[in-house]
Amino acid sequence: VFRLEGDTYRCFCTIESSGSAVDSVYYQDLNGDGCR
């Protein structure tokens, strides 16, 4: 996950898995705080 800092994108977080593939990804605010 890259976030824009100034005029440059920098990686600030990496989600890892020992699986073989990503089946699907979905973005949703699940707690009502406005963030997905």
Full PDB file with SEQRES, HELIX, SHEET, SSBOND, CRYST1, ORIGX, SCALE, CONECT and MASTER records, all heavy atoms in Angstrom:
SEQRES   1 A   36  VAL PHE ARG LEU GLU GLY ASP THR TYR ARG CYS PHE CYS          
SEQRES   2 A   36  THR ILE GLU SER SER GLY SER ALA VAL ASP SER VAL TYR          
SEQRES   3 A   36  TYR GLN ASP LEU ASN GLY ASP GLY CYS ARG                      
SHEET    1 AA1 2 PHE A   2  GLU A   5  0                                        
SHEET    2 AA1 2 THR A   8  CYS A  11 -1                                        
CRYST1    1.000    1.000    1.000  90.00  90.00  90.00 P 1           1          
ORIGX1      1.000000  0.000000  0.000000        0.00000                         
ORIGX2      0.000000  1.000000  0.000000        0.00000                         
ORIGX3      0.000000  0.000000  1.000000        0.00000                         
SCALE1      1.000000  0.000000  0.000000        0.00000                         
SCALE2      0.000000  1.000000  0.000000        0.00000                         
SCALE3      0.000000  0.000000  1.000000        0.00000                         
ATOM      1  N   VAL A   1       0.852  -1.185   0.000  1.00  0.00           N  
ATOM      2  CA  VAL A   1       0.000   0.000   0.000  1.00  0.00           C  
ATOM      3  C   VAL A   1       0.892   1.241   0.000  1.00  0.00           C  
ATOM      4  O   VAL A   1       1.676   1.449   0.932  1.00  0.00           O  
ATOM      5  CB  VAL A   1      -0.943   0.004   1.219  1.00  0.00           C  
ATOM      6  CG1 VAL A   1      -1.913   1.182   1.134  1.00  0.00           C  
ATOM      7  CG2 VAL A   1      -1.714  -1.318   1.302  1.00  0.00           C  
ATOM      8  N   PHE A   2       0.765   2.048  -1.044  1.00  0.00           N  
ATOM      9  CA  PHE A   2       1.550   3.278  -1.192  1.00  0.00           C  
ATOM     10  C   PHE A   2       0.661   4.476  -0.896  1.00  0.00           C  
ATOM     11  O   PHE A   2      -0.472   4.552  -1.364  1.00  0.00           O  
ATOM     12  CB  PHE A   2       2.110   3.396  -2.614  1.00  0.00           C  
ATOM     13  CG  PHE A   2       3.201   2.415  -2.938  1.00  0.00           C  
ATOM     14  CD1 PHE A   2       2.899   1.083  -3.220  1.00  0.00           C  
ATOM     15  CD2 PHE A   2       4.532   2.818  -2.976  1.00  0.00           C  
ATOM     16  CE1 PHE A   2       3.910   0.168  -3.533  1.00  0.00           C  
ATOM     17  CE2 PHE A   2       5.550   1.916  -3.289  1.00  0.00           C  
ATOM     18  CZ  PHE A   2       5.233   0.592  -3.561  1.00  0.00           C  
ATOM     19  N   ARG A   3       1.211   5.410  -0.120  1.00  0.00           N  
ATOM     20  CA  ARG A   3       0.495   6.640   0.226  1.00  0.00           C  
ATOM     21  C   ARG A   3       1.266   7.826  -0.323  1.00  0.00           C  
ATOM     22  O   ARG A   3       2.502   7.834  -0.326  1.00  0.00           O  
ATOM     23  CB  ARG A   3       0.341   6.739   1.743  1.00  0.00           C  
ATOM     24  CG  ARG A   3      -0.350   8.012   2.218  1.00  0.00           C  
ATOM     25  CD  ARG A   3      -0.461   8.001   3.731  1.00  0.00           C  
ATOM     26  NE  ARG A   3      -1.420   7.012   4.189  1.00  0.00           N  
ATOM     27  CZ  ARG A   3      -1.474   6.542   5.442  1.00  0.00           C  
ATOM     28  NH1 ARG A   3      -0.581   6.946   6.338  1.00  0.00           N  
ATOM     29  NH2 ARG A   3      -2.389   5.669   5.792  1.00  0.00           N  
ATOM     30  N   LEU A   4       0.535   8.840  -0.795  1.00  0.00           N  
ATOM     31  CA  LEU A   4       1.167  10.029  -1.348  1.00  0.00           C  
ATOM     32  C   LEU A   4       1.689  10.917  -0.216  1.00  0.00           C  
ATOM     33  O   LEU A   4       0.930  11.345   0.655  1.00  0.00           O  
ATOM     34  CB  LEU A   4       0.166  10.813  -2.208  1.00  0.00           C  
ATOM     35  CG  LEU A   4       0.729  11.997  -3.002  1.00  0.00           C  
ATOM     36  CD1 LEU A   4       1.788  11.537  -3.994  1.00  0.00           C  
ATOM     37  CD2 LEU A   4      -0.395  12.734  -3.727  1.00  0.00           C  
ATOM     38  N   GLU A   5       2.990  11.151  -0.213  1.00  0.00           N  
ATOM     39  CA  GLU A   5       3.625  12.040   0.759  1.00  0.00           C  
ATOM     40  C   GLU A   5       4.313  13.155  -0.012  1.00  0.00           C  
ATOM     41  O   GLU A   5       5.325  12.932  -0.674  1.00  0.00           O  
ATOM     42  CB  GLU A   5       4.630  11.268   1.611  1.00  0.00           C  
ATOM     43  CG  GLU A   5       4.004  10.154   2.442  1.00  0.00           C  
ATOM     44  CD  GLU A   5       5.029   9.367   3.240  1.00  0.00           C  
ATOM     45  OE1 GLU A   5       6.237   9.717   3.152  1.00  0.00           O  
ATOM     46  OE2 GLU A   5       4.635   8.412   3.944  1.00  0.00           O  
ATOM     47  N   GLY A   6       3.740  14.335   0.061  1.00  0.00           N  
ATOM     48  CA  GLY A   6       4.243  15.439  -0.758  1.00  0.00           C  
ATOM     49  C   GLY A   6       3.924  15.164  -2.208  1.00  0.00           C  
ATOM     50  O   GLY A   6       2.756  15.035  -2.580  1.00  0.00           O  
ATOM     51  N   ASP A   7       4.950  15.038  -3.032  1.00  0.00           N  
ATOM     52  CA  ASP A   7       4.732  14.724  -4.441  1.00  0.00           C  
ATOM     53  C   ASP A   7       5.258  13.337  -4.799  1.00  0.00           C  
ATOM     54  O   ASP A   7       5.516  13.045  -5.964  1.00  0.00           O  
ATOM     55  CB  ASP A   7       5.378  15.786  -5.338  1.00  0.00           C  
ATOM     56  CG  ASP A   7       6.887  15.922  -5.079  1.00  0.00           C  
ATOM     57  OD1 ASP A   7       7.411  15.174  -4.224  1.00  0.00           O  
ATOM     58  OD2 ASP A   7       7.519  16.776  -5.726  1.00  0.00           O  
ATOM     59  N   THR A   8       5.392  12.464  -3.769  1.00  0.00           N  
ATOM     60  CA  THR A   8       5.948  11.129  -4.005  1.00  0.00           C  
ATOM     61  C   THR A   8       5.120  10.073  -3.291  1.00  0.00           C  
ATOM     62  O   THR A   8       4.721  10.249  -2.134  1.00  0.00           O  
ATOM     63  CB  THR A   8       7.402  11.050  -3.490  1.00  0.00           C  
ATOM     64  OG1 THR A   8       8.177  12.067  -4.121  1.00  0.00           O  
ATOM     65  CG2 THR A   8       8.004   9.685  -3.802  1.00  0.00           C  
ATOM     66  N   TYR A   9       4.848   8.970  -3.980  1.00  0.00           N  
ATOM     67  CA  TYR A   9       4.207   7.819  -3.350  1.00  0.00           C  
ATOM     68  C   TYR A   9       5.258   6.993  -2.624  1.00  0.00           C  
ATOM     69  O   TYR A   9       6.316   6.675  -3.186  1.00  0.00           O  
ATOM     70  CB  TYR A   9       3.505   6.953  -4.396  1.00  0.00           C  
ATOM     71  CG  TYR A   9       2.082   7.392  -4.693  1.00  0.00           C  
ATOM     72  CD1 TYR A   9       1.801   8.209  -5.783  1.00  0.00           C  
ATOM     73  CD2 TYR A   9       1.036   7.000  -3.869  1.00  0.00           C  
ATOM     74  CE1 TYR A   9       0.506   8.619  -6.050  1.00  0.00           C  
ATOM     75  CE2 TYR A   9      -0.275   7.402  -4.121  1.00  0.00           C  
ATOM     76  CZ  TYR A   9      -0.527   8.212  -5.213  1.00  0.00           C  
ATOM     77  OH  TYR A   9      -1.817   8.610  -5.459  1.00  0.00           O  
ATOM     78  N   ARG A  10       4.970   6.646  -1.358  1.00  0.00           N  
ATOM     79  CA  ARG A  10       5.876   5.815  -0.578  1.00  0.00           C  
ATOM     80  C   ARG A  10       5.101   4.644   0.010  1.00  0.00           C  
ATOM     81  O   ARG A  10       3.972   4.795   0.470  1.00  0.00           O  
ATOM     82  CB  ARG A  10       6.538   6.620   0.539  1.00  0.00           C  
ATOM     83  CG  ARG A  10       7.355   7.809   0.030  1.00  0.00           C  
ATOM     84  CD  ARG A  10       8.138   8.456   1.163  1.00  0.00           C  
ATOM     85  NE  ARG A  10       8.807   9.676   0.699  1.00  0.00           N  
ATOM     86  CZ  ARG A  10       9.939   9.690   0.020  1.00  0.00           C  
ATOM     87  NH1 ARG A  10      10.542   8.545  -0.256  1.00  0.00           N  
ATOM     88  NH2 ARG A  10      10.481  10.835  -0.374  1.00  0.00           N  
ATOM     89  N   CYS A  11       5.734   3.463   0.027  1.00  0.00           N  
ATOM     90  CA  CYS A  11       5.105   2.282   0.607  1.00  0.00           C  
ATOM     91  C   CYS A  11       5.135   2.399   2.135  1.00  0.00           C  
ATOM     92  O   CYS A  11       6.199   2.520   2.732  1.00  0.00           O  
ATOM     93  CB  CYS A  11       5.833   1.017   0.165  1.00  0.00           C  
ATOM     94  SG  CYS A  11       5.096  -0.508   0.821  1.00  0.00           S  
ATOM     95  N   PHE A  12       3.955   2.395   2.744  1.00  0.00           N  
ATOM     96  CA  PHE A  12       3.909   2.527   4.198  1.00  0.00           C  
ATOM     97  C   PHE A  12       3.346   1.286   4.874  1.00  0.00           C  
ATOM     98  O   PHE A  12       3.351   1.184   6.108  1.00  0.00           O  
ATOM     99  CB  PHE A  12       3.079   3.759   4.596  1.00  0.00           C  
ATOM    100  CG  PHE A  12       1.591   3.568   4.493  1.00  0.00           C  
ATOM    101  CD1 PHE A  12       0.828   3.225   5.597  1.00  0.00           C  
ATOM    102  CD2 PHE A  12       0.950   3.720   3.268  1.00  0.00           C  
ATOM    103  CE1 PHE A  12      -0.540   3.046   5.495  1.00  0.00           C  
ATOM    104  CE2 PHE A  12      -0.416   3.552   3.165  1.00  0.00           C  
ATOM    105  CZ  PHE A  12      -1.169   3.213   4.277  1.00  0.00           C  
ATOM    106  N   CYS A  13       2.883   0.304   4.084  1.00  0.00           N  
ATOM    107  CA  CYS A  13       2.243  -0.861   4.698  1.00  0.00           C  
ATOM    108  C   CYS A  13       2.243  -2.005   3.689  1.00  0.00           C  
ATOM    109  O   CYS A  13       1.997  -1.789   2.500  1.00  0.00           O  
ATOM    110  CB  CYS A  13       0.810  -0.493   5.090  1.00  0.00           C  
ATOM    111  SG  CYS A  13      -0.140  -1.813   5.824  1.00  0.00           S  
ATOM    112  N   THR A  14       2.512  -3.219   4.155  1.00  0.00           N  
ATOM    113  CA  THR A  14       2.489  -4.392   3.275  1.00  0.00           C  
ATOM    114  C   THR A  14       1.676  -5.500   3.931  1.00  0.00           C  
ATOM    115  O   THR A  14       1.951  -5.905   5.067  1.00  0.00           O  
ATOM    116  CB  THR A  14       3.910  -4.899   2.970  1.00  0.00           C  
ATOM    117  OG1 THR A  14       4.667  -3.871   2.334  1.00  0.00           O  
ATOM    118  CG2 THR A  14       3.852  -6.116   2.051  1.00  0.00           C  
ATOM    119  N   ILE A  15       0.675  -5.993   3.230  1.00  0.00           N  
ATOM    120  CA  ILE A  15      -0.127  -7.125   3.672  1.00  0.00           C  
ATOM    121  C   ILE A  15       0.447  -8.369   3.005  1.00  0.00           C  
ATOM    122  O   ILE A  15       0.644  -8.391   1.784  1.00  0.00           O  
ATOM    123  CB  ILE A  15      -1.606  -6.943   3.288  1.00  0.00           C  
ATOM    124  CG1 ILE A  15      -2.163  -5.653   3.897  1.00  0.00           C  
ATOM    125  CG2 ILE A  15      -2.434  -8.144   3.729  1.00  0.00           C  
ATOM    126  CD1 ILE A  15      -3.541  -5.276   3.384  1.00  0.00           C  
ATOM    127  N   GLU A  16       0.720  -9.412   3.797  1.00  0.00           N  
ATOM    128  CA  GLU A  16       1.362 -10.608   3.265  1.00  0.00           C  
ATOM    129  C   GLU A  16       0.501 -11.849   3.508  1.00  0.00           C  
ATOM    130  O   GLU A  16      -0.302 -11.890   4.436  1.00  0.00           O  
ATOM    131  CB  GLU A  16       2.720 -10.825   3.931  1.00  0.00           C  
ATOM    132  CG  GLU A  16       3.722  -9.704   3.696  1.00  0.00           C  
ATOM    133  CD  GLU A  16       5.057  -9.989   4.363  1.00  0.00           C  
ATOM    134  OE1 GLU A  16       5.050 -10.233   5.597  1.00  0.00           O  
ATOM    135  OE2 GLU A  16       6.083 -10.007   3.664  1.00  0.00           O  
ATOM    136  N   SER A  17       0.704 -12.853   2.665  1.00  0.00           N  
ATOM    137  CA  SER A  17       0.022 -14.130   2.845  1.00  0.00           C  
ATOM    138  C   SER A  17       0.889 -15.259   2.292  1.00  0.00           C  
ATOM    139  O   SER A  17       1.636 -15.069   1.327  1.00  0.00           O  
ATOM    140  CB  SER A  17      -1.328 -14.137   2.116  1.00  0.00           C  
ATOM    141  OG  SER A  17      -1.908 -15.435   2.128  1.00  0.00           O  
ATOM    142  N   SER A  18       0.752 -16.415   2.907  1.00  0.00           N  
ATOM    143  CA  SER A  18       1.472 -17.598   2.434  1.00  0.00           C  
ATOM    144  C   SER A  18       0.664 -18.367   1.399  1.00  0.00           C  
ATOM    145  O   SER A  18       1.029 -19.481   1.023  1.00  0.00           O  
ATOM    146  CB  SER A  18       1.804 -18.515   3.616  1.00  0.00           C  
ATOM    147  OG  SER A  18       0.618 -18.871   4.308  1.00  0.00           O  
ATOM    148  N   GLY A  19      -0.445 -17.802   0.948  1.00  0.00           N  
ATOM    149  CA  GLY A  19      -1.289 -18.477  -0.028  1.00  0.00           C  
ATOM    150  C   GLY A  19      -0.669 -18.527  -1.410  1.00  0.00           C  
ATOM    151  O   GLY A  19       0.465 -18.075  -1.641  1.00  0.00           O  
ATOM    152  N   SER A  20      -1.434 -19.067  -2.332  1.00  0.00           N  
ATOM    153  CA  SER A  20      -0.950 -19.220  -3.702  1.00  0.00           C  
ATOM    154  C   SER A  20      -1.474 -18.144  -4.649  1.00  0.00           C  
ATOM    155  O   SER A  20      -0.894 -17.929  -5.719  1.00  0.00           O  
ATOM    156  CB  SER A  20      -1.346 -20.601  -4.243  1.00  0.00           C  
ATOM    157  OG  SER A  20      -2.766 -20.743  -4.251  1.00  0.00           O  
ATOM    158  N   ALA A  21      -2.572 -17.469  -4.279  1.00  0.00           N  
ATOM    159  CA  ALA A  21      -3.141 -16.449  -5.173  1.00  0.00           C  
ATOM    160  C   ALA A  21      -4.114 -15.573  -4.388  1.00  0.00           C  
ATOM    161  O   ALA A  21      -4.583 -15.942  -3.307  1.00  0.00           O  
ATOM    162  CB  ALA A  21      -3.849 -17.105  -6.353  1.00  0.00           C  
ATOM    163  N   VAL A  22      -4.400 -14.410  -4.955  1.00  0.00           N  
ATOM    164  CA  VAL A  22      -5.463 -13.549  -4.435  1.00  0.00           C  
ATOM    165  C   VAL A  22      -6.717 -13.840  -5.249  1.00  0.00           C  
ATOM    166  O   VAL A  22      -6.742 -13.640  -6.463  1.00  0.00           O  
ATOM    167  CB  VAL A  22      -5.088 -12.054  -4.547  1.00  0.00           C  
ATOM    168  CG1 VAL A  22      -6.233 -11.181  -4.046  1.00  0.00           C  
ATOM    169  CG2 VAL A  22      -3.815 -11.765  -3.770  1.00  0.00           C  
ATOM    170  N   ASP A  23      -7.750 -14.339  -4.586  1.00  0.00           N  
ATOM    171  CA  ASP A  23      -8.997 -14.634  -5.290  1.00  0.00           C  
ATOM    172  C   ASP A  23      -9.748 -13.360  -5.648  1.00  0.00           C  
ATOM    173  O   ASP A  23     -10.243 -13.214  -6.767  1.00  0.00           O  
ATOM    174  CB  ASP A  23      -9.895 -15.526  -4.420  1.00  0.00           C  
ATOM    175  CG  ASP A  23      -9.802 -16.984  -4.819  1.00  0.00           C  
ATOM    176  OD1 ASP A  23      -9.031 -17.301  -5.744  1.00  0.00           O  
ATOM    177  OD2 ASP A  23     -10.492 -17.816  -4.218  1.00  0.00           O  
ATOM    178  N   SER A  24      -9.872 -12.463  -4.680  1.00  0.00           N  
ATOM    179  CA  SER A  24     -10.614 -11.230  -4.920  1.00  0.00           C  
ATOM    180  C   SER A  24     -10.256 -10.211  -3.851  1.00  0.00           C  
ATOM    181  O   SER A  24      -9.726 -10.560  -2.787  1.00  0.00           O  
ATOM    182  CB  SER A  24     -12.129 -11.493  -4.904  1.00  0.00           C  
ATOM    183  OG  SER A  24     -12.534 -11.997  -3.629  1.00  0.00           O  
ATOM    184  N   VAL A  25     -10.535  -8.945  -4.143  1.00  0.00           N  
ATOM    185  CA  VAL A  25     -10.317  -7.877  -3.163  1.00  0.00           C  
ATOM    186  C   VAL A  25     -11.490  -6.914  -3.270  1.00  0.00           C  
ATOM    187  O   VAL A  25     -12.043  -6.680  -4.354  1.00  0.00           O  
ATOM    188  CB  VAL A  25      -8.973  -7.153  -3.403  1.00  0.00           C  
ATOM    189  CG1 VAL A  25      -8.948  -6.476  -4.769  1.00  0.00           C  
ATOM    190  CG2 VAL A  25      -8.686  -6.154  -2.299  1.00  0.00           C  
ATOM    191  N   TYR A  26     -11.887  -6.402  -2.124  1.00  0.00           N  
ATOM    192  CA  TYR A  26     -13.073  -5.548  -2.044  1.00  0.00           C  
ATOM    193  C   TYR A  26     -12.782  -4.448  -1.037  1.00  0.00           C  
ATOM    194  O   TYR A  26     -12.139  -4.694  -0.015  1.00  0.00           O  
ATOM    195  CB  TYR A  26     -14.266  -6.399  -1.581  1.00  0.00           C  
ATOM    196  CG  TYR A  26     -15.627  -5.786  -1.749  1.00  0.00           C  
ATOM    197  CD1 TYR A  26     -16.356  -5.945  -2.917  1.00  0.00           C  
ATOM    198  CD2 TYR A  26     -16.212  -5.055  -0.720  1.00  0.00           C  
ATOM    199  CE1 TYR A  26     -17.619  -5.393  -3.067  1.00  0.00           C  
ATOM    200  CE2 TYR A  26     -17.477  -4.496  -0.859  1.00  0.00           C  
ATOM    201  CZ  TYR A  26     -18.172  -4.680  -2.040  1.00  0.00           C  
ATOM    202  OH  TYR A  26     -19.416  -4.121  -2.187  1.00  0.00           O  
ATOM    203  N   TYR A  27     -13.247  -3.244  -1.310  1.00  0.00           N  
ATOM    204  CA  TYR A  27     -12.985  -2.106  -0.424  1.00  0.00           C  
ATOM    205  C   TYR A  27     -14.318  -1.598   0.126  1.00  0.00           C  
ATOM    206  O   TYR A  27     -15.216  -1.246  -0.645  1.00  0.00           O  
ATOM    207  CB  TYR A  27     -12.267  -0.986  -1.186  1.00  0.00           C  
ATOM    208  CG  TYR A  27     -11.023  -1.468  -1.912  1.00  0.00           C  
ATOM    209  CD1 TYR A  27     -11.049  -1.704  -3.284  1.00  0.00           C  
ATOM    210  CD2 TYR A  27      -9.838  -1.704  -1.231  1.00  0.00           C  
ATOM    211  CE1 TYR A  27      -9.924  -2.159  -3.952  1.00  0.00           C  
ATOM    212  CE2 TYR A  27      -8.709  -2.164  -1.886  1.00  0.00           C  
ATOM    213  CZ  TYR A  27      -8.756  -2.387  -3.251  1.00  0.00           C  
ATOM    214  OH  TYR A  27      -7.642  -2.853  -3.919  1.00  0.00           O  
ATOM    215  N   GLN A  28     -14.440  -1.576   1.446  1.00  0.00           N  
ATOM    216  CA  GLN A  28     -15.714  -1.174   2.042  1.00  0.00           C  
ATOM    217  C   GLN A  28     -15.498  -0.638   3.455  1.00  0.00           C  
ATOM    218  O   GLN A  28     -14.705  -1.196   4.227  1.00  0.00           O  
ATOM    219  CB  GLN A  28     -16.661  -2.376   2.099  1.00  0.00           C  
ATOM    220  CG  GLN A  28     -18.051  -2.046   2.590  1.00  0.00           C  
ATOM    221  CD  GLN A  28     -18.794  -1.157   1.614  1.00  0.00           C  
ATOM    222  OE1 GLN A  28     -18.990  -1.517   0.462  1.00  0.00           O  
ATOM    223  NE2 GLN A  28     -19.207   0.019   2.062  1.00  0.00           N  
ATOM    224  N   ASP A  29     -16.193   0.431   3.792  1.00  0.00           N  
ATOM    225  CA  ASP A  29     -16.184   0.954   5.156  1.00  0.00           C  
ATOM    226  C   ASP A  29     -17.068   0.050   6.005  1.00  0.00           C  
ATOM    227  O   ASP A  29     -18.297   0.063   5.881  1.00  0.00           O  
ATOM    228  CB  ASP A  29     -16.706   2.396   5.164  1.00  0.00           C  
ATOM    229  CG  ASP A  29     -16.783   2.987   6.562  1.00  0.00           C  
ATOM    230  OD1 ASP A  29     -16.277   2.355   7.510  1.00  0.00           O  
ATOM    231  OD2 ASP A  29     -17.352   4.086   6.702  1.00  0.00           O  
ATOM    232  N   LEU A  30     -16.475  -0.735   6.868  1.00  0.00           N  
ATOM    233  CA  LEU A  30     -17.203  -1.727   7.659  1.00  0.00           C  
ATOM    234  C   LEU A  30     -17.577  -1.253   9.056  1.00  0.00           C  
ATOM    235  O   LEU A  30     -18.305  -1.952   9.771  1.00  0.00           O  
ATOM    236  CB  LEU A  30     -16.380  -3.013   7.776  1.00  0.00           C  
ATOM    237  CG  LEU A  30     -16.127  -3.778   6.465  1.00  0.00           C  
ATOM    238  CD1 LEU A  30     -15.174  -4.945   6.707  1.00  0.00           C  
ATOM    239  CD2 LEU A  30     -17.438  -4.280   5.864  1.00  0.00           C  
ATOM    240  N   ASN A  31     -17.068  -0.093   9.479  1.00  0.00           N  
ATOM    241  CA  ASN A  31     -17.391   0.372  10.835  1.00  0.00           C  
ATOM    242  C   ASN A  31     -17.971   1.785  10.868  1.00  0.00           C  
ATOM    243  O   ASN A  31     -18.204   2.329  11.951  1.00  0.00           O  
ATOM    244  CB  ASN A  31     -16.155   0.301  11.733  1.00  0.00           C  
ATOM    245  CG  ASN A  31     -15.010   1.161  11.213  1.00  0.00           C  
ATOM    246  OD1 ASN A  31     -15.138   1.857  10.198  1.00  0.00           O  
ATOM    247  ND2 ASN A  31     -13.874   1.114  11.896  1.00  0.00           N  
ATOM    248  N   GLY A  32     -18.176   2.389   9.711  1.00  0.00           N  
ATOM    249  CA  GLY A  32     -18.838   3.681   9.659  1.00  0.00           C  
ATOM    250  C   GLY A  32     -17.959   4.866   9.986  1.00  0.00           C  
ATOM    251  O   GLY A  32     -18.474   5.965  10.209  1.00  0.00           O  
ATOM    252  N   ASP A  33     -16.619   4.693   9.979  1.00  0.00           N  
ATOM    253  CA  ASP A  33     -15.739   5.822  10.292  1.00  0.00           C  
ATOM    254  C   ASP A  33     -15.320   6.609   9.055  1.00  0.00           C  
ATOM    255  O   ASP A  33     -14.533   7.552   9.143  1.00  0.00           O  
ATOM    256  CB  ASP A  33     -14.502   5.336  11.051  1.00  0.00           C  
ATOM    257  CG  ASP A  33     -13.590   4.456  10.196  1.00  0.00           C  
ATOM    258  OD1 ASP A  33     -13.970   4.118   9.047  1.00  0.00           O  
ATOM    259  OD2 ASP A  33     -12.497   4.095  10.686  1.00  0.00           O  
ATOM    260  N   GLY A  34     -15.826   6.217   7.893  1.00  0.00           N  
ATOM    261  CA  GLY A  34     -15.500   6.926   6.664  1.00  0.00           C  
ATOM    262  C   GLY A  34     -14.312   6.355   5.914  1.00  0.00           C  
ATOM    263  O   GLY A  34     -14.099   6.687   4.751  1.00  0.00           O  
ATOM    264  N   CYS A  35     -13.515   5.508   6.568  1.00  0.00           N  
ATOM    265  CA  CYS A  35     -12.345   4.895   5.920  1.00  0.00           C  
ATOM    266  C   CYS A  35     -12.704   3.489   5.448  1.00  0.00           C  
ATOM    267  O   CYS A  35     -13.435   2.765   6.120  1.00  0.00           O  
ATOM    268  CB  CYS A  35     -11.167   4.829   6.885  1.00  0.00           C  
ATOM    269  SG  CYS A  35     -10.573   6.449   7.423  1.00  0.00           S  
ATOM    270  N   ARG A  36     -12.152   3.122   4.309  1.00  0.00           N  
ATOM    271  CA  ARG A  36     -12.448   1.812   3.745  1.00  0.00           C  
ATOM    272  C   ARG A  36     -11.482   0.753   4.272  1.00  0.00           C  
ATOM    273  O   ARG A  36     -10.269   0.960   4.287  1.00  0.00           O  
ATOM    274  CB  ARG A  36     -12.345   1.853   2.217  1.00  0.00           C  
ATOM    275  CG  ARG A  36     -13.375   2.748   1.557  1.00  0.00           C  
ATOM    276  CD  ARG A  36     -13.193   2.715   0.062  1.00  0.00           C  
ATOM    277  NE  ARG A  36     -14.154   3.564  -0.625  1.00  0.00           N  
ATOM    278  CZ  ARG A  36     -14.229   3.704  -1.931  1.00  0.00           C  
ATOM    279  NH1 ARG A  36     -13.382   3.045  -2.714  1.00  0.00           N  
ATOM    280  NH2 ARG A  36     -15.134   4.488  -2.470  1.00  0.00           N  
TER     281      ARG A  36                                                      
MASTER        0    0    0    0    2    0    0    6  280    1    0    3          
END                                                                             
